[in-house]
Amino acid sequence: MNYRKYELTRRDRLEVLLEAVASTIVIAFLFYRSVGACVLIIPLFYVLEKRKRKIGKEKQDEKLQEQFFSALQVVSTALQAGMSMEKAWIEAEKEIKMLYGNNALLYLELVEMNHSVSLNMPIEKLFLQFAGRTDLEDVIWFTEILSYGKRSGGNWRKIITSCVFRMCEKQEAKKQIEIMVAEKKLEQQIMNIIPLGILAFLQLSSWDYMSVMYHNPLGVLCMTFVLIGYALAIFLSEKILKIRV
C-alpha cells in the first residue's frame, strides 16, 4: 500500500458531495441571491474533494505514526529481554493486532514483513521498501538507523532504546501543542461561521438595504471579492493553526 496518498472511500465522496451541495446553496443565497450561482458546485466539489483527501491523508499518517510508535516500544522491550530483531517484530505484530485489530495499517504491514523475513528476506531491506511507501519522518529515521546498525554491527538495545526515547519526547511535545491549540481551533470554527451569520441576518432583517448588492454587475463583482476574501481567511486560519512537530 502506498501511504504517500489517500484514496477516498464511497462514504468520503458522499460526504464531499453533501458538503458541496450545502455550501453551494448557502453561497447562492447569501452572496448572489441567484439559482444560477449553483453552477459553483462543480469547482467547489473538486476543491472540497482535494481538501478531504488531504485531511484523510493526515489522519492516515497519524494512525500509522501511533501504531509504529507502539510497535517500537514492544521491539525495544523485546530486544532488552534478549530477543533478536526479527523475533522482536513478531512480538510487535501480536501487540499491534491486540491493540488496533486485524485491519490496522501497521498490522497488515507487519504480517507481510514477518512472512518475508521467514523466507530469508533481510529485515532492513523490507523496512527500506516500507519507508519508500510512506513519508513519515520517524519511519524513515528508524529505517536509516536500522540499515546503518546492520552494516556496522551496532548495539541494537542502545540504538532502539534511544530511538524510542526520542519519539516519546516528540509525541509528548505534540500532545502538549494539540492541547494548547485545541481552544484556538474552536475559536477559528466559530469565527468562520460568524460572517455568514451576519450576512444572513442582514438578508432577513434588511432585505431592501442589501438588494443593491445583487442582480447588477457591480454588486456581483463586489460580493465575489467578499467571497474570495472569506475563503482566503479560512485557508489562512487553518494554515496558522497547523503546527508540525
Protein backbone atom coordinates (compact mmCIF):
# COMPACT_ATOMS: atom_id res chain seq x y z
CA MET A 1 0.00 0.00 0.00
CA ASN A 2 1.24 3.46 -0.89
CA TYR A 3 0.88 5.67 2.20
CA ARG A 4 2.02 8.77 0.33
CA LYS A 5 -1.54 9.29 -0.90
CA TYR A 6 -5.05 8.70 0.38
CA GLU A 7 -7.81 7.08 -1.63
CA LEU A 8 -11.29 8.39 -0.89
CA THR A 9 -13.91 5.83 0.12
CA ARG A 10 -17.53 5.91 -1.05
CA ARG A 11 -18.51 7.43 2.27
CA ASP A 12 -15.87 10.13 1.83
CA ARG A 13 -17.18 11.00 -1.62
CA LEU A 14 -20.77 11.12 -0.35
CA GLU A 15 -19.72 13.45 2.48
CA VAL A 16 -17.92 15.69 -0.02
CA LEU A 17 -20.99 15.77 -2.28
CA LEU A 18 -23.33 16.69 0.59
CA GLU A 19 -20.91 19.36 1.81
CA ALA A 20 -20.61 20.76 -1.71
CA VAL A 21 -24.41 20.89 -2.14
CA ALA A 22 -24.93 22.60 1.24
CA SER A 23 -22.11 25.08 0.65
CA THR A 24 -23.38 25.92 -2.84
CA ILE A 25 -26.89 26.62 -1.54
CA VAL A 26 -25.50 28.93 1.17
CA ILE A 27 -23.27 30.78 -1.32
CA ALA A 28 -26.03 31.10 -3.94
CA PHE A 29 -28.46 32.57 -1.40
CA LEU A 30 -26.18 34.77 0.74
CA PHE A 31 -23.74 36.04 -1.87
CA TYR A 32 -25.71 36.11 -5.12
CA ARG A 33 -29.44 35.54 -4.47
CA SER A 34 -29.44 33.54 -7.68
CA VAL A 35 -30.18 29.94 -8.58
CA GLY A 36 -27.70 30.31 -11.42
CA ALA A 37 -24.89 30.54 -8.85
CA CYS A 38 -25.45 26.84 -8.16
CA VAL A 39 -23.06 26.11 -11.05
CA LEU A 40 -20.36 26.80 -8.45
CA ILE A 41 -21.00 23.29 -7.15
CA ILE A 42 -18.71 21.90 -9.87
CA PRO A 43 -15.47 23.71 -8.88
CA LEU A 44 -16.49 23.61 -5.22
CA PHE A 45 -16.85 19.82 -5.33
CA TYR A 46 -13.29 19.40 -6.62
CA VAL A 47 -11.91 21.84 -4.03
CA LEU A 48 -13.67 20.02 -1.20
CA GLU A 49 -12.61 16.65 -2.60
CA LYS A 50 -8.98 17.75 -2.58
CA ARG A 51 -9.38 19.06 0.97
CA LYS A 52 -11.00 15.78 2.06
CA ARG A 53 -8.14 13.83 0.52
CA LYS A 54 -5.63 15.99 2.38
CA ILE A 55 -7.43 15.59 5.71
CA GLY A 56 -7.73 11.83 5.12
CA LYS A 57 -4.00 11.64 4.41
CA GLU A 58 -3.21 13.48 7.64
CA LYS A 59 -5.44 11.15 9.68
CA GLN A 60 -3.91 8.12 7.95
CA ASP A 61 -0.43 9.37 8.83
CA GLU A 62 -1.46 9.96 12.45
CA LYS A 63 -2.80 6.40 12.77
CA LEU A 64 0.30 4.89 11.18
CA GLN A 65 2.54 7.07 13.35
CA GLU A 66 0.76 5.99 16.54
CA GLN A 67 0.86 2.31 15.60
CA PHE A 68 4.52 2.47 14.61
CA PHE A 69 5.39 4.13 17.90
CA SER A 70 3.55 1.39 19.83
CA ALA A 71 5.38 -1.26 17.81
CA LEU A 72 8.77 0.32 18.55
CA GLN A 73 8.06 0.25 22.27
CA VAL A 74 7.37 -3.50 22.06
CA VAL A 75 10.50 -4.05 19.95
CA SER A 76 12.62 -2.09 22.43
CA THR A 77 11.33 -4.19 25.34
CA ALA A 78 11.85 -7.45 23.41
CA LEU A 79 15.42 -6.53 22.49
CA GLN A 80 16.23 -5.71 26.09
CA ALA A 81 14.88 -9.16 27.01
CA GLY A 82 17.46 -10.72 24.66
CA MET A 83 15.35 -11.39 21.56
CA SER A 84 16.70 -10.92 18.04
CA MET A 85 15.47 -8.05 15.88
CA GLU A 86 13.43 -10.44 13.71
CA LYS A 87 11.66 -12.07 16.67
CA ALA A 88 11.06 -8.67 18.27
CA TRP A 89 8.97 -7.60 15.28
CA ILE A 90 6.93 -10.80 15.53
CA GLU A 91 6.08 -9.75 19.08
CA ALA A 92 5.24 -6.28 17.79
CA GLU A 93 2.86 -7.82 15.25
CA LYS A 94 0.97 -9.63 18.01
CA GLU A 95 0.77 -6.47 20.13
CA ILE A 96 -0.46 -4.29 17.26
CA LYS A 97 -3.18 -6.85 16.47
CA MET A 98 -4.29 -6.84 20.10
CA LEU A 99 -4.28 -3.03 20.38
CA TYR A 100 -5.65 -1.96 16.99
CA GLY A 101 -7.29 -5.03 15.42
CA ASN A 102 -6.81 -7.10 12.26
CA ASN A 103 -7.42 -4.16 9.91
CA ALA A 104 -4.80 -1.84 11.41
CA LEU A 105 -2.49 -0.41 8.77
CA LEU A 106 0.73 -1.41 10.50
CA TYR A 107 -0.55 -4.86 11.42
CA LEU A 108 -1.09 -5.72 7.76
CA GLU A 109 2.42 -4.42 7.01
CA LEU A 110 3.99 -6.47 9.81
CA VAL A 111 2.20 -9.66 8.75
CA GLU A 112 3.66 -9.31 5.26
CA MET A 113 7.04 -8.22 6.57
CA ASN A 114 7.41 -11.07 9.07
CA HIS A 115 6.33 -13.56 6.42
CA SER A 116 9.05 -12.24 4.11
CA VAL A 117 11.61 -12.47 6.93
CA SER A 118 10.67 -16.14 7.38
CA LEU A 119 11.63 -16.57 3.70
CA ASN A 120 15.10 -15.17 4.49
CA MET A 121 14.48 -11.63 3.26
CA PRO A 122 16.68 -9.11 5.13
CA ILE A 123 14.58 -7.08 7.54
CA GLU A 124 16.44 -3.85 6.74
CA LYS A 125 15.56 -4.25 3.06
CA LEU A 126 11.89 -4.72 3.95
CA PHE A 127 11.95 -1.57 6.05
CA LEU A 128 13.55 0.33 3.18
CA GLN A 129 10.63 -0.73 0.98
CA PHE A 130 8.17 0.28 3.69
CA ALA A 131 9.84 3.68 4.17
CA GLY A 132 9.69 4.21 0.41
CA ARG A 133 5.89 3.94 0.54
CA THR A 134 5.44 6.44 3.34
CA ASP A 135 6.65 9.96 4.09
CA LEU A 136 6.63 9.64 7.89
CA GLU A 137 9.86 11.04 9.29
CA ASP A 138 10.00 8.55 12.18
CA VAL A 139 9.73 5.55 9.86
CA ILE A 140 12.41 6.91 7.55
CA TRP A 141 14.64 7.79 10.51
CA PHE A 142 14.30 4.33 12.06
CA THR A 143 14.98 2.68 8.70
CA GLU A 144 18.20 4.63 8.29
CA ILE A 145 19.31 3.68 11.81
CA LEU A 146 18.41 0.05 11.18
CA SER A 147 20.34 -0.08 7.91
CA TYR A 148 23.39 1.59 9.46
CA GLY A 149 23.29 -0.69 12.51
CA LYS A 150 23.10 -3.81 10.35
CA ARG A 151 26.12 -2.71 8.34
CA SER A 152 28.21 -1.60 11.31
CA GLY A 153 27.10 -4.27 13.80
CA GLY A 154 25.78 -1.68 16.24
CA ASN A 155 24.34 -2.19 19.71
CA TRP A 156 20.65 -2.84 18.99
CA ARG A 157 19.45 -2.34 22.51
CA LYS A 158 21.07 1.06 22.82
CA ILE A 159 20.03 2.17 19.33
CA ILE A 160 16.35 1.22 19.62
CA THR A 161 16.05 2.48 23.22
CA SER A 162 17.46 5.84 22.16
CA CYS A 163 15.13 5.90 19.15
CA VAL A 164 12.04 5.17 21.27
CA PHE A 165 13.08 7.75 23.88
CA ARG A 166 13.35 10.49 21.27
CA MET A 167 10.00 9.51 19.76
CA CYS A 168 8.44 9.64 23.25
CA GLU A 169 9.70 13.19 23.64
CA LYS A 170 8.31 14.11 20.23
CA GLN A 171 4.89 12.54 20.95
CA GLU A 172 4.69 14.33 24.31
CA ALA A 173 5.55 17.68 22.71
CA LYS A 174 2.93 17.06 20.01
CA LYS A 175 0.22 16.31 22.61
CA GLN A 176 1.05 19.47 24.55
CA ILE A 177 0.81 21.57 21.40
CA GLU A 178 -2.52 19.97 20.44
CA ILE A 179 -3.93 20.77 23.89
CA MET A 180 -2.83 24.42 23.64
CA VAL A 181 -4.15 24.82 20.09
CA ALA A 182 -7.49 23.00 20.65
CA GLU A 183 -9.17 26.11 22.11
CA LYS A 184 -7.90 28.27 19.25
CA LYS A 185 -9.25 25.79 16.70
CA LEU A 186 -12.69 26.01 18.30
CA GLU A 187 -12.50 29.80 18.16
CA GLN A 188 -11.47 29.57 14.50
CA GLN A 189 -14.51 27.42 13.66
CA ILE A 190 -16.81 29.93 15.40
CA MET A 191 -15.18 32.87 13.62
CA ASN A 192 -15.64 31.08 10.28
CA ILE A 193 -19.41 30.91 10.86
CA ILE A 194 -19.92 34.45 12.21
CA PRO A 195 -19.56 36.30 8.83
CA LEU A 196 -22.20 34.03 7.29
CA GLY A 197 -24.46 34.65 10.27
CA ILE A 198 -24.09 38.42 9.93
CA LEU A 199 -24.80 38.27 6.20
CA ALA A 200 -27.85 36.06 6.76
CA PHE A 201 -29.13 38.43 9.46
CA LEU A 202 -28.80 41.42 7.12
CA GLN A 203 -30.55 39.48 4.38
CA LEU A 204 -33.53 38.68 6.61
CA SER A 205 -33.78 41.93 8.54
CA SER A 206 -32.82 44.47 5.85
CA TRP A 207 -33.76 42.91 2.53
CA ASP A 208 -34.17 46.25 0.74
CA TYR A 209 -30.92 47.61 2.18
CA MET A 210 -28.94 44.64 0.83
CA SER A 211 -30.73 44.47 -2.53
CA VAL A 212 -28.26 46.92 -4.09
CA MET A 213 -25.59 44.22 -3.85
CA TYR A 214 -27.49 41.75 -6.05
CA HIS A 215 -28.56 41.34 -9.66
CA ASN A 216 -26.26 44.04 -11.01
CA PRO A 217 -22.67 43.74 -12.33
CA LEU A 218 -21.04 45.93 -9.67
CA GLY A 219 -22.84 44.19 -6.82
CA VAL A 220 -21.98 40.71 -8.16
CA LEU A 221 -18.33 41.75 -8.52
CA CYS A 222 -18.26 43.14 -5.00
CA MET A 223 -19.83 40.00 -3.47
CA THR A 224 -17.41 37.84 -5.46
CA PHE A 225 -14.47 39.69 -3.88
CA VAL A 226 -16.09 39.24 -0.46
CA LEU A 227 -16.47 35.51 -1.10
CA ILE A 228 -12.85 35.18 -2.22
CA GLY A 229 -11.66 37.10 0.85
CA TYR A 230 -13.78 34.90 3.11
CA ALA A 231 -12.33 31.73 1.55
CA LEU A 232 -8.76 33.06 1.90
CA ALA A 233 -9.39 33.93 5.56
CA ILE A 234 -10.49 30.35 6.27
CA PHE A 235 -7.49 28.97 4.39
CA LEU A 236 -5.00 31.19 6.25
CA SER A 237 -6.54 30.47 9.67
CA GLU A 238 -6.18 26.73 9.08
CA LYS A 239 -2.57 27.19 7.96
CA ILE A 240 -1.71 29.27 11.03
CA LEU A 241 -3.12 26.67 13.44
CA LYS A 242 -1.43 23.74 11.70
CA ILE A 243 1.74 23.25 13.74
CA ARG A 244 4.01 20.36 12.81
CA VAL A 245 6.39 18.80 15.35
